[in-house]
C-alpha atoms as a PDB file:
ATOM      1  CA  MET A   1     -14.820  51.245   6.585  1.00  0.00           C
ATOM      2  CA  ALA A   2     -17.627  50.403   4.141  1.00  0.00           C
ATOM      3  CA  LYS A   3     -20.845  48.920   5.497  1.00  0.00           C
ATOM      4  CA  LYS A   4     -20.300  45.602   3.658  1.00  0.00           C
ATOM      5  CA  ALA A   5     -16.812  45.249   5.094  1.00  0.00           C
ATOM      6  CA  ARG A   6     -18.057  45.923   8.627  1.00  0.00           C
ATOM      7  CA  ARG A   7     -20.778  43.287   8.217  1.00  0.00           C
ATOM      8  CA  ALA A   8     -18.244  40.819   6.810  1.00  0.00           C
ATOM      9  CA  LEU A   9     -15.961  41.319   9.813  1.00  0.00           C
ATOM     10  CA  GLN A  10     -18.882  40.928  12.227  1.00  0.00           C
ATOM     11  CA  ASP A  11     -19.832  37.656  10.527  1.00  0.00           C
ATOM     12  CA  TYR A  12     -16.189  36.565  10.661  1.00  0.00           C
ATOM     13  CA  ASP A  13     -15.939  37.262  14.407  1.00  0.00           C
ATOM     14  CA  THR A  14     -19.210  35.479  15.183  1.00  0.00           C
ATOM     15  CA  TRP A  15     -18.355  32.375  13.170  1.00  0.00           C
ATOM     16  CA  ILE A  16     -14.771  32.073  14.432  1.00  0.00           C
ATOM     17  CA  GLN A  17     -15.946  32.317  18.035  1.00  0.00           C
ATOM     18  CA  ALA A  18     -18.540  29.580  17.427  1.00  0.00           C
ATOM     19  CA  HIS A  19     -16.081  27.194  15.721  1.00  0.00           C
ATOM     20  CA  PRO A  20     -12.817  27.172  17.691  1.00  0.00           C
ATOM     21  CA  THR A  21     -11.794  23.660  16.547  1.00  0.00           C
ATOM     22  CA  VAL A  22     -12.764  23.838  12.874  1.00  0.00           C
ATOM     23  CA  ALA A  23      -9.170  23.857  11.565  1.00  0.00           C
ATOM     24  CA  ALA A  24      -8.082  20.853  13.637  1.00  0.00           C
ATOM     25  CA  ASP A  25     -11.281  18.939  12.816  1.00  0.00           C
ATOM     26  CA  LEU A  26     -11.004  19.527   9.069  1.00  0.00           C
ATOM     27  CA  GLU A  27      -7.287  18.676   9.059  1.00  0.00           C
ATOM     28  CA  ALA A  28      -7.915  15.365  10.841  1.00  0.00           C
ATOM     29  CA  HIS A  29     -10.743  14.515   8.430  1.00  0.00           C
ATOM     30  CA  ILE A  30      -8.668  15.187   5.296  1.00  0.00           C
ATOM     31  CA  ILE A  31      -5.686  13.225   6.634  1.00  0.00           C
ATOM     32  CA  ASP A  32      -7.990  10.299   7.437  1.00  0.00           C
ATOM     33  CA  VAL A  33      -9.456  10.323   3.913  1.00  0.00           C
ATOM     34  CA  LEU A  34      -6.049  10.520   2.183  1.00  0.00           C
ATOM     35  CA  ASP A  35      -4.634   7.810   4.446  1.00  0.00           C
ATOM     36  CA  ASP A  36      -7.675   5.648   3.761  1.00  0.00           C
ATOM     37  CA  ALA A  37      -7.060   6.096   0.029  1.00  0.00           C
ATOM     38  CA  GLY A  38      -3.525   4.798   0.571  1.00  0.00           C
ATOM     39  CA  LEU A  39      -1.909   7.851  -1.003  1.00  0.00           C
ATOM     40  CA  THR A  40       1.496   9.368  -0.274  1.00  0.00           C
ATOM     41  CA  PHE A  41       1.871  12.903   1.074  1.00  0.00           C
ATOM     42  CA  ASP A  42       4.186  14.772   3.408  1.00  0.00           C
ATOM     43  CA  ARG A  43       1.658  16.683   5.513  1.00  0.00           C
ATOM     44  CA  VAL A  44      -1.711  18.415   5.607  1.00  0.00           C
ATOM     45  CA  SER A  45      -2.321  21.713   7.364  1.00  0.00           C
ATOM     46  CA  VAL A  46      -5.442  23.840   7.741  1.00  0.00           C
ATOM     47  CA  ARG A  47      -5.448  27.494   8.686  1.00  0.00           C
ATOM     48  CA  ILE A  48      -8.135  30.110   9.215  1.00  0.00           C
ATOM     49  CA  LYS A  49      -7.274  33.481   7.654  1.00  0.00           C
ATOM     50  CA  ASP A  50      -6.475  35.888  10.464  1.00  0.00           C
ATOM     51  CA  ARG A  51      -8.720  38.900  10.991  1.00  0.00           C
ATOM     52  CA  THR A  52      -6.142  41.487   9.877  1.00  0.00           C
ATOM     53  CA  SER A  53      -5.517  39.702   6.563  1.00  0.00           C
ATOM     54  CA  PHE A  54      -9.250  39.295   6.010  1.00  0.00           C
ATOM     55  CA  ALA A  55      -9.884  43.010   6.630  1.00  0.00           C
ATOM     56  CA  ARG A  56      -7.005  43.997   4.350  1.00  0.00           C
ATOM     57  CA  LYS A  57      -8.358  41.893   1.501  1.00  0.00           C
ATOM     58  CA  LEU A  58     -11.868  43.294   1.960  1.00  0.00           C
ATOM     59  CA  ALA A  59     -10.430  46.796   1.514  1.00  0.00           C
ATOM     60  CA  ASN A  60      -8.347  45.865  -1.535  1.00  0.00           C
ATOM     61  CA  GLU A  61     -10.000  47.031  -4.774  1.00  0.00           C
ATOM     62  CA  ALA A  62      -8.090  44.333  -6.655  1.00  0.00           C
ATOM     63  CA  TYR A  63     -10.594  41.826  -5.205  1.00  0.00           C
ATOM     64  CA  PRO A  64     -14.027  43.183  -6.254  1.00  0.00           C
ATOM     65  CA  ASP A  65     -15.794  39.868  -5.536  1.00  0.00           C
ATOM     66  CA  TYR A  66     -14.343  39.710  -2.038  1.00  0.00           C
ATOM     67  CA  ASP A  67     -17.120  41.647  -0.306  1.00  0.00           C
ATOM     68  CA  SER A  68     -18.694  39.238   2.190  1.00  0.00           C
ATOM     69  CA  PHE A  69     -17.669  36.607   4.688  1.00  0.00           C
ATOM     70  CA  THR A  70     -19.726  33.861   3.051  1.00  0.00           C
ATOM     71  CA  ASP A  71     -18.328  34.390  -0.467  1.00  0.00           C
ATOM     72  CA  ALA A  72     -14.665  34.782   0.521  1.00  0.00           C
ATOM     73  CA  HIS A  73     -13.059  31.687  -0.987  1.00  0.00           C
ATOM     74  CA  ASP A  74      -9.972  31.475   1.232  1.00  0.00           C
ATOM     75  CA  VAL A  75     -11.090  32.116   4.802  1.00  0.00           C
ATOM     76  CA  ILE A  76     -10.475  28.400   5.305  1.00  0.00           C
ATOM     77  CA  GLY A  77      -7.224  27.345   3.659  1.00  0.00           C
ATOM     78  CA  VAL A  78      -5.892  23.809   3.312  1.00  0.00           C
ATOM     79  CA  ARG A  79      -2.375  22.884   2.232  1.00  0.00           C
ATOM     80  CA  VAL A  80      -1.503  19.384   1.111  1.00  0.00           C
ATOM     81  CA  ILE A  81       2.268  19.046   0.733  1.00  0.00           C
ATOM     82  CA  THR A  82       3.683  16.208  -1.376  1.00  0.00           C
ATOM     83  CA  PHE A  83       7.164  14.824  -1.872  1.00  0.00           C
ATOM     84  CA  HIS A  84       7.077  15.076  -5.668  1.00  0.00           C
ATOM     85  CA  SER A  85       4.684  16.506  -8.244  1.00  0.00           C
ATOM     86  CA  SER A  86       3.671  13.161  -9.775  1.00  0.00           C
ATOM     87  CA  GLU A  87       1.692  12.513  -6.559  1.00  0.00           C
ATOM     88  CA  ILE A  88      -0.505  15.587  -7.050  1.00  0.00           C
ATOM     89  CA  PRO A  89      -2.987  14.170  -9.640  1.00  0.00           C
ATOM     90  CA  GLN A  90      -3.954  11.246  -7.381  1.00  0.00           C
ATOM     91  CA  LEU A  91      -4.345  13.541  -4.372  1.00  0.00           C
ATOM     92  CA  LYS A  92      -6.444  15.925  -6.444  1.00  0.00           C
ATOM     93  CA  ASP A  93      -8.700  13.036  -7.509  1.00  0.00           C
ATOM     94  CA  ALA A  94      -9.119  11.879  -3.907  1.00  0.00           C
ATOM     95  CA  LEU A  95      -9.979  15.404  -2.728  1.00  0.00           C
ATOM     96  CA  SER A  96     -12.429  15.760  -5.621  1.00  0.00           C
ATOM     97  CA  GLY A  97     -14.201  12.694  -4.243  1.00  0.00           C
ATOM     98  CA  LEU A  98     -14.415  14.314  -0.802  1.00  0.00           C
ATOM     99  CA  PHE A  99     -15.491  17.814  -1.901  1.00  0.00           C
ATOM    100  CA  THR A 100     -17.418  19.306  -4.811  1.00  0.00           C
ATOM    101  CA  VAL A 101     -14.814  21.202  -6.833  1.00  0.00           C
ATOM    102  CA  VAL A 102     -15.998  24.633  -7.953  1.00  0.00           C
ATOM    103  CA  ARG A 103     -12.833  25.807  -9.684  1.00  0.00           C
ATOM    104  CA  VAL A 104      -9.272  24.617 -10.344  1.00  0.00           C
ATOM    105  CA  ILE A 105      -6.440  27.147 -10.614  1.00  0.00           C
ATOM    106  CA  ASP A 106      -3.152  25.788 -11.945  1.00  0.00           C
ATOM    107  CA  LYS A 107      -0.604  28.358 -10.802  1.00  0.00           C
ATOM    108  CA  ALA A 108       2.276  26.336 -12.273  1.00  0.00           C
ATOM    109  CA  ALA A 109       0.664  26.394 -15.731  1.00  0.00           C
ATOM    110  CA  GLU A 110      -0.079  30.127 -15.437  1.00  0.00           C
ATOM    111  CA  THR A 111       3.560  30.823 -14.583  1.00  0.00           C
ATOM    112  CA  ALA A 112       4.788  28.638 -17.455  1.00  0.00           C
ATOM    113  CA  ARG A 113       2.461  30.347 -19.965  1.00  0.00           C
ATOM    114  CA  GLU A 114       3.989  33.671 -18.980  1.00  0.00           C
ATOM    115  CA  GLY A 115       7.424  32.268 -19.780  1.00  0.00           C
ATOM    116  CA  ARG A 116       8.829  32.655 -16.297  1.00  0.00           C
ATOM    117  CA  PHE A 117       9.710  30.725 -13.157  1.00  0.00           C
ATOM    118  CA  GLY A 118       7.924  31.406  -9.900  1.00  0.00           C
ATOM    119  CA  TYR A 119       4.990  30.327  -7.777  1.00  0.00           C
ATOM    120  CA  ALA A 120       3.894  26.794  -8.648  1.00  0.00           C
ATOM    121  CA  SER A 121       0.889  25.227  -6.968  1.00  0.00           C
ATOM    122  CA  GLN A 122      -2.482  23.695  -7.760  1.00  0.00           C
ATOM    123  CA  HIS A 123      -5.417  25.472  -6.123  1.00  0.00           C
ATOM    124  CA  LEU A 124      -8.817  23.835  -5.719  1.00  0.00           C
ATOM    125  CA  ILE A 125     -11.763  26.012  -4.719  1.00  0.00           C
ATOM    126  CA  VAL A 126     -14.275  23.564  -3.261  1.00  0.00           C
ATOM    127  CA  SER A 127     -17.779  23.872  -1.880  1.00  0.00           C
ATOM    128  CA  ALA A 128     -18.293  23.697   1.881  1.00  0.00           C
ATOM    129  CA  LYS A 129     -21.968  22.773   1.483  1.00  0.00           C
ATOM    130  CA  ASP A 130     -21.456  19.324   3.024  1.00  0.00           C
ATOM    131  CA  GLU A 131     -19.499  20.571   6.041  1.00  0.00           C
ATOM    132  CA  PRO A 132     -21.241  20.519   9.463  1.00  0.00           C
ATOM    133  CA  TRP A 133     -21.447  24.307   9.714  1.00  0.00           C
ATOM    134  CA  ALA A 134     -23.290  24.651   6.375  1.00  0.00           C
ATOM    135  CA  ALA A 135     -26.591  23.587   7.962  1.00  0.00           C
ATOM    136  CA  GLU A 136     -26.337  26.114  10.782  1.00  0.00           C
ATOM    137  CA  ASP A 137     -28.162  29.424  10.936  1.00  0.00           C
ATOM    138  CA  GLY A 138     -26.137  32.552  10.289  1.00  0.00           C
ATOM    139  CA  ALA A 139     -23.340  33.422   7.889  1.00  0.00           C
ATOM    140  CA  SER A 140     -20.729  30.741   7.242  1.00  0.00           C
ATOM    141  CA  PRO A 141     -18.010  30.108   4.624  1.00  0.00           C
ATOM    142  CA  LYS A 142     -19.358  28.680   1.373  1.00  0.00           C
ATOM    143  CA  TYR A 143     -15.921  27.704   0.056  1.00  0.00           C
ATOM    144  CA  ILE A 144     -12.612  26.158   1.085  1.00  0.00           C
ATOM    145  CA  GLU A 145      -9.344  26.765  -0.750  1.00  0.00           C
ATOM    146  CA  ILE A 146      -7.034  23.752  -1.069  1.00  0.00           C
ATOM    147  CA  GLN A 147      -3.436  24.212  -2.230  1.00  0.00           C
ATOM    148  CA  LEU A 148      -1.422  21.234  -3.457  1.00  0.00           C
ATOM    149  CA  ARG A 149       2.324  21.684  -3.832  1.00  0.00           C
ATOM    150  CA  THR A 150       5.593  19.843  -3.373  1.00  0.00           C
ATOM    151  CA  VAL A 151       7.887  20.236  -0.377  1.00  0.00           C
ATOM    152  CA  LEU A 152      10.292  22.291  -2.503  1.00  0.00           C
ATOM    153  CA  GLN A 153       7.542  24.499  -3.948  1.00  0.00           C
ATOM    154  CA  HIS A 154       6.231  25.050  -0.425  1.00  0.00           C
ATOM    155  CA  ALA A 155       9.656  26.111   0.871  1.00  0.00           C
ATOM    156  CA  TRP A 156      10.041  28.613  -1.995  1.00  0.00           C
ATOM    157  CA  ALA A 157       6.542  30.059  -1.523  1.00  0.00           C
ATOM    158  CA  GLU A 158       6.890  30.411   2.249  1.00  0.00           C
ATOM    159  CA  PHE A 159      10.262  32.129   2.006  1.00  0.00           C
ATOM    160  CA  GLU A 160       9.087  34.456  -0.755  1.00  0.00           C
ATOM    161  CA  HIS A 161       6.012  35.394   1.294  1.00  0.00           C
ATOM    162  CA  ASP A 162       8.132  36.159   4.353  1.00  0.00           C
ATOM    163  CA  VAL A 163      10.576  38.308   2.382  1.00  0.00           C
ATOM    164  CA  ARG A 164       8.224  40.160   0.038  1.00  0.00           C
ATOM    165  CA  TYR A 165       5.037  40.564   2.045  1.00  0.00           C
ATOM    166  CA  LYS A 166       6.303  40.810   5.603  1.00  0.00           C
ATOM    167  CA  ASN A 167       9.081  43.241   4.682  1.00  0.00           C
ATOM    168  CA  GLN A 168       7.302  45.567   2.252  1.00  0.00           C
ATOM    169  CA  GLN A 169       8.703  48.589   4.060  1.00  0.00           C
ATOM    170  CA  HIS A 170      12.184  47.616   2.875  1.00  0.00           C
ATOM    171  CA  PRO A 171      12.675  48.714  -0.767  1.00  0.00           C
ATOM    172  CA  GLU A 172      15.509  46.236  -1.319  1.00  0.00           C
ATOM    173  CA  THR A 173      12.997  43.339  -1.292  1.00  0.00           C
ATOM    174  CA  SER A 174      11.839  44.408  -4.775  1.00  0.00           C
ATOM    175  CA  SER A 175      15.292  45.163  -6.142  1.00  0.00           C
ATOM    176  CA  PRO A 176      16.391  43.507  -9.418  1.00  0.00           C
ATOM    177  CA  GLU A 177      18.988  41.504  -7.510  1.00  0.00           C
ATOM    178  CA  VAL A 178      16.385  39.984  -5.180  1.00  0.00           C
ATOM    179  CA  GLN A 179      13.956  39.396  -8.068  1.00  0.00           C
ATOM    180  CA  ARG A 180      16.667  37.613 -10.037  1.00  0.00           C
ATOM    181  CA  ALA A 181      17.618  35.453  -7.038  1.00  0.00           C
ATOM    182  CA  PHE A 182      14.008  34.376  -6.515  1.00  0.00           C
ATOM    183  CA  THR A 183      13.624  33.562 -10.213  1.00  0.00           C
ATOM    184  CA  LEU A 184      16.828  31.535 -10.233  1.00  0.00           C
ATOM    185  CA  ALA A 185      15.758  29.626  -7.104  1.00  0.00           C
ATOM    186  CA  ALA A 186      12.345  28.882  -8.655  1.00  0.00           C
ATOM    187  CA  GLY A 187      14.019  27.537 -11.794  1.00  0.00           C
ATOM    188  CA  LEU A 188      16.306  25.284  -9.779  1.00  0.00           C
ATOM    189  CA  ILE A 189      13.349  24.007  -7.744  1.00  0.00           C
ATOM    190  CA  GLU A 190      11.455  23.159 -10.927  1.00  0.00           C
ATOM    191  CA  LEU A 191      14.460  21.166 -12.145  1.00  0.00           C
ATOM    192  CA  ALA A 192      14.796  19.431  -8.768  1.00  0.00           C
ATOM    193  CA  ASP A 193      11.091  18.486  -8.775  1.00  0.00           C
ATOM    194  CA  GLU A 194      11.496  17.000 -12.257  1.00  0.00           C
ATOM    195  CA  GLN A 195      14.397  14.883 -11.015  1.00  0.00           C
ATOM    196  CA  PHE A 196      12.408  13.738  -7.970  1.00  0.00           C
ATOM    197  CA  ASP A 197       9.592  12.651 -10.314  1.00  0.00           C
ATOM    198  CA  LYS A 198      12.122  10.799 -12.439  1.00  0.00           C
ATOM    199  CA  ILE A 199      13.621   9.045  -9.405  1.00  0.00           C
ATOM    200  CA  ALA A 200      10.159   8.032  -8.161  1.00  0.00           C
ATOM    201  CA  GLY A 201       9.323   6.631 -11.591  1.00  0.00           C
ATOM    202  CA  ILE A 202      12.537   4.642 -11.820  1.00  0.00           C
ATOM    203  CA  ILE A 203      12.189   3.175  -8.327  1.00  0.00           C
ATOM    204  CA  GLY A 204       8.543   2.320  -8.921  1.00  0.00           C
ATOM    205  CA  THR A 205       9.078   0.352 -12.122  1.00  0.00           C
ATOM    206  CA  SER A 206      12.679  -0.867 -12.292  1.00  0.00           C
ATOM    207  CA  GLY A 207      14.340  -3.982 -10.981  1.00  0.00           C
ATOM    208  CA  GLU A 208      13.563  -7.630 -11.231  1.00  0.00           C
ATOM    209  CA  GLU A 209      10.530  -8.835  -9.367  1.00  0.00           C
ATOM    210  CA  VAL A 210      11.712 -10.381  -6.137  1.00  0.00           C
ATOM    211  CA  GLU A 211      10.406 -13.898  -5.565  1.00  0.00           C
ATOM    212  CA  GLY A 212      10.111 -15.550  -2.199  1.00  0.00           C
ATOM    213  CA  ALA A 213       8.982 -14.001   1.069  1.00  0.00           C
ATOM    214  CA  LEU A 214       7.248 -10.622   1.171  1.00  0.00           C
ATOM    215  CA  ASN A 215       8.729  -7.764   3.183  1.00  0.00           C
ATOM    216  CA  GLU A 216       7.820  -4.112   3.571  1.00  0.00           C
ATOM    217  CA  GLN A 217      10.997  -2.864   1.839  1.00  0.00           C
ATOM    218  CA  SER A 218      10.364  -4.698  -1.444  1.00  0.00           C
ATOM    219  CA  LEU A 219       6.543  -4.644  -1.352  1.00  0.00           C
ATOM    220  CA  PRO A 220       6.096  -1.309  -3.219  1.00  0.00           C
ATOM    221  CA  ARG A 221       8.228  -2.534  -6.114  1.00  0.00           C
ATOM    222  CA  VAL A 222       6.578  -5.969  -6.138  1.00  0.00           C
ATOM    223  CA  LEU A 223       3.112  -4.387  -6.246  1.00  0.00           C
ATOM    224  CA  SER A 224       4.150  -2.047  -9.065  1.00  0.00           C
ATOM    225  CA  ARG A 225       5.271  -5.062 -11.080  1.00  0.00           C
ATOM    226  CA  ILE A 226       2.042  -6.963 -10.395  1.00  0.00           C
ATOM    227  CA  VAL A 227      -0.643  -4.263 -10.776  1.00  0.00           C
ATOM    228  CA  GLY A 228       1.224  -1.578 -12.744  1.00  0.00           C
ATOM    229  CA  SER A 229       2.139   2.021 -12.056  1.00  0.00           C
ATOM    230  CA  LYS A 230      -1.450   3.335 -12.244  1.00  0.00           C
ATOM    231  CA  TYR A 231      -1.843   2.492  -8.567  1.00  0.00           C
ATOM    232  CA  PRO A 232       0.408   4.995  -6.766  1.00  0.00           C
ATOM    233  CA  THR A 233       2.764   4.017  -3.996  1.00  0.00           C
ATOM    234  CA  SER A 234       1.530   4.626  -0.463  1.00  0.00           C
ATOM    235  CA  ARG A 235       3.343   6.245   2.440  1.00  0.00           C
ATOM    236  CA  VAL A 236       6.489   4.287   3.276  1.00  0.00           C
ATOM    237  CA  ASP A 237       5.491   3.675   6.886  1.00  0.00           C
ATOM    238  CA  TYR A 238       2.188   2.067   5.816  1.00  0.00           C
ATOM    239  CA  TYR A 239       3.675  -0.939   4.043  1.00  0.00           C
ATOM    240  CA  HIS A 240       4.217  -2.805   7.293  1.00  0.00           C
ATOM    241  CA  TYR A 241       0.437  -2.566   7.776  1.00  0.00           C
ATOM    242  CA  ALA A 242      -0.017  -4.224   4.381  1.00  0.00           C
ATOM    243  CA  ILE A 243       2.405  -6.986   5.384  1.00  0.00           C
ATOM    244  CA  GLU A 244       0.420  -7.500   8.624  1.00  0.00           C
ATOM    245  CA  MET A 245      -2.889  -7.657   6.739  1.00  0.00           C
ATOM    246  CA  LEU A 246      -1.545 -10.150   4.216  1.00  0.00           C
ATOM    247  CA  ALA A 247       0.015 -12.294   6.946  1.00  0.00           C
ATOM    248  CA  ALA A 248      -3.335 -12.402   8.762  1.00  0.00           C
ATOM    249  CA  HIS A 249      -4.553 -14.482   5.814  1.00  0.00           C
ATOM    250  CA  ASP A 250      -1.312 -16.485   5.527  1.00  0.00           C
ATOM    251  CA  ILE A 251      -0.241 -14.610   2.380  1.00  0.00           C
ATOM    252  CA  THR A 252       3.513 -14.319   2.832  1.00  0.00           C
ATOM    253  CA  THR A 253       5.060 -14.874  -0.614  1.00  0.00           C
ATOM    254  CA  VAL A 254       5.159 -13.009  -3.912  1.00  0.00           C
ATOM    255  CA  ALA A 255       3.476 -15.935  -5.670  1.00  0.00           C
ATOM    256  CA  GLN A 256       0.535 -15.803  -3.250  1.00  0.00           C
ATOM    257  CA  LEU A 257       0.257 -12.029  -3.659  1.00  0.00           C
ATOM    258  CA  ARG A 258       0.262 -12.377  -7.439  1.00  0.00           C
ATOM    259  CA  GLU A 259      -2.567 -14.899  -7.170  1.00  0.00           C
ATOM    260  CA  LEU A 260      -4.550 -12.575  -4.873  1.00  0.00           C
ATOM    261  CA  LEU A 261      -4.157  -9.683  -7.333  1.00  0.00           C
ATOM    262  CA  ALA A 262      -4.896 -11.680 -10.478  1.00  0.00           C
ATOM    263  CA  PRO A 263      -6.105  -9.451 -13.364  1.00  0.00           C
ATOM    264  CA  LYS A 264      -9.599 -10.978 -13.435  1.00  0.00           C
ATOM    265  CA  ARG A 265     -10.086 -10.443  -9.703  1.00  0.00           C
ATOM    266  CA  LEU A 266      -8.623  -6.921  -9.909  1.00  0.00           C
ATOM    267  CA  LYS A 267     -11.095  -6.038 -12.659  1.00  0.00           C
ATOM    268  CA  ALA A 268     -13.995  -7.364 -10.565  1.00  0.00           C
ATOM    269  CA  LEU A 269     -12.867  -5.347  -7.532  1.00  0.00           C
ATOM    270  CA  ARG A 270     -12.626  -2.129  -9.528  1.00  0.00           C
ATOM    271  CA  LYS A 271     -16.110  -2.687 -10.926  1.00  0.00           C
ATOM    272  CA  ALA A 272     -17.556  -3.393  -7.476  1.00  0.00           C
ATOM    273  CA  MET A 273     -15.861  -0.442  -5.754  1.00  0.00           C
ATOM    274  CA  ASN A 274     -16.327   1.994  -8.656  1.00  0.00           C
ATOM    275  CA  TYR A 275     -13.241   3.942  -7.567  1.00  0.00           C
ATOM    276  CA  PRO A 276     -13.289   7.648  -8.539  1.00  0.00           C
ATOM    277  CA  TYR A 277      -9.470   7.463  -8.604  1.00  0.00           C
ATOM    278  CA  TYR A 278      -6.779   4.789  -8.553  1.00  0.00           C
ATOM    279  CA  PRO A 279      -6.257   3.940  -4.870  1.00  0.00           C
ATOM    280  CA  GLY A 280      -2.802   3.699  -3.384  1.00  0.00           C
ATOM    281  CA  GLN A 281      -1.142   0.313  -3.161  1.00  0.00           C
ATOM    282  CA  VAL A 282      -1.856  -0.335   0.530  1.00  0.00           C
ATOM    283  CA  ARG A 283      -5.537   0.602   0.129  1.00  0.00           C
ATOM    284  CA  LEU A 284      -5.725  -1.698  -2.912  1.00  0.00           C
ATOM    285  CA  VAL A 285      -4.307  -4.620  -0.921  1.00  0.00           C
ATOM    286  CA  ASP A 286      -6.736  -3.912   1.936  1.00  0.00           C
ATOM    287  CA  ASP A 287      -9.730  -3.770  -0.409  1.00  0.00           C
ATOM    288  CA  MET A 288      -8.702  -6.914  -2.268  1.00  0.00           C
ATOM    289  CA  LEU A 289      -8.377  -8.832   0.995  1.00  0.00           C
ATOM    290  CA  LEU A 290     -11.843  -7.599   1.990  1.00  0.00           C
ATOM    291  CA  PHE A 291     -13.144  -8.668  -1.429  1.00  0.00           C
ATOM    292  CA  ALA A 292     -11.533 -12.094  -1.061  1.00  0.00           C
ATOM    293  CA  TYR A 293     -12.268 -12.843   2.606  1.00  0.00           C
ATOM    294  CA  GLY A 294     -15.192 -10.612   3.576  1.00  0.00           C
ATOM    295  CA  ARG A 295     -16.069 -10.399   7.270  1.00  0.00           C
ATOM    296  CA  GLU A 296     -13.100 -12.601   8.137  1.00  0.00           C
ATOM    297  CA  HIS A 297     -10.803  -9.813   6.928  1.00  0.00           C
ATOM    298  CA  ILE A 298     -12.603  -7.272   9.105  1.00  0.00           C
ATOM    299  CA  ARG A 299     -12.326  -9.531  12.147  1.00  0.00           C
ATOM    300  CA  LYS A 300      -8.639 -10.318  11.629  1.00  0.00           C
ATOM    301  CA  THR A 301      -7.370  -6.831  10.745  1.00  0.00           C
ATOM    302  CA  VAL A 302      -9.682  -4.385  12.511  1.00  0.00           C
ATOM    303  CA  HIS A 303      -6.873  -3.425  14.913  1.00  0.00           C
ATOM    304  CA  ILE A 304      -4.282  -2.633  12.212  1.00  0.00           C
ATOM    305  CA  GLY A 305      -3.312   0.916  11.243  1.00  0.00           C
ATOM    306  CA  ASP A 306      -2.572   4.362  12.626  1.00  0.00           C
ATOM    307  CA  ASN A 307      -6.245   5.140  13.204  1.00  0.00           C
ATOM    308  CA  ALA A 308      -7.662   1.862  14.495  1.00  0.00           C
ATOM    309  CA  GLN A 309     -10.668   3.639  16.052  1.00  0.00           C
ATOM    310  CA  SER A 310     -12.128   4.602  12.676  1.00  0.00           C
ATOM    311  CA  ARG A 311     -11.072   1.424  10.846  1.00  0.00           C
ATOM    312  CA  PRO A 312     -14.174  -0.664  11.750  1.00  0.00           C
ATOM    313  CA  GLY A 313     -16.462   1.977  10.253  1.00  0.00           C
ATOM    314  CA  ARG A 314     -14.351   2.378   7.129  1.00  0.00           C
ATOM    315  CA  LEU A 315     -14.162  -1.375   6.529  1.00  0.00           C
ATOM    316  CA  GLY A 316     -17.888  -1.675   7.166  1.00  0.00           C
ATOM    317  CA  ASN A 317     -18.655   1.005   4.579  1.00  0.00           C
ATOM    318  CA  ARG A 318     -16.459  -0.714   2.000  1.00  0.00           C
ATOM    319  CA  TRP A 319     -18.061  -4.068   2.755  1.00  0.00           C
ATOM    320  CA  GLN A 320     -21.462  -2.474   2.103  1.00  0.00           C
ATOM    321  CA  GLN A 321     -20.128  -1.055  -1.168  1.00  0.00           C
ATOM    322  CA  LEU A 322     -19.062  -4.566  -2.168  1.00  0.00           C
ATOM    323  CA  GLY A 323     -22.634  -5.695  -1.567  1.00  0.00           C
ATOM    324  CA  GLN A 324     -21.396  -7.849   1.332  1.00  0.00           C
ATOM    325  CA  LYS A 325     -20.204 -10.377  -1.224  1.00  0.00           C
ATOM    326  CA  THR A 326     -16.766 -11.851  -1.777  1.00  0.00           C
ATOM    327  CA  GLY A 327     -15.253 -12.260  -5.220  1.00  0.00           C
END
């Protein structure tokens, strides 16, 4: 083994031993940020590349830049899985606000340019300079790789990896019949993702605006009609939190919600918050209530949400961003 590879593996072993909870900590942080943004996603997972895979890649001449532990871009890998591809741009914007993006690799576009069906995913290579370990002495990862893909794309990629890479000793895995089957499956998945995007678009914008009392089932559609489709829908199970927050201020009807989210007030909120991306609907409602009611909103809703422990700090930070002024 080359001297550089041995040093890289030593650095890997030392760092992994010193950071046994890094994957769980990073996963919890990313989920908290995406939830706070009010965006929809299926799940987030973080994995540390295992030692055997790391050693194999160090020895692979196809990766000439992969010669040290610190410069390896995928030792820490994050996967953000979405329900449909139209959610990916908002998630990418939110992650770009959390990390400094070094490079974006659009695998779906690369595959399309080659005129074929296959692996489709967005890869973000981001800097780890703001992570806790970056300030420590010794070698540490400088980058994190984030993959964004749909549930269907994820299923295809995982199955292909299991078949092709974990069964390389079986020649039939590279047979024309298997290649054709994978290509056909990838094409069908691309069509299915397009239909899921279409369904999401139709549900988000169609139907008459429901007047009368607010409820969590109709709230996504009502909000889309009031503020437009630029603000993406949030996770389905979060709309009852929005209903609770609105009710805390006696906002229980569509007419009252429309008044709260009046265009002039919405414009003032966006200017005050200086959003780097369009927040999800539930986050927008939360921020507008904070903008309208200030500390009263914090007091009345501090207990609401999946992660009530971190909510006081998050609301406090937003209140500071608003200059501690209502609008």
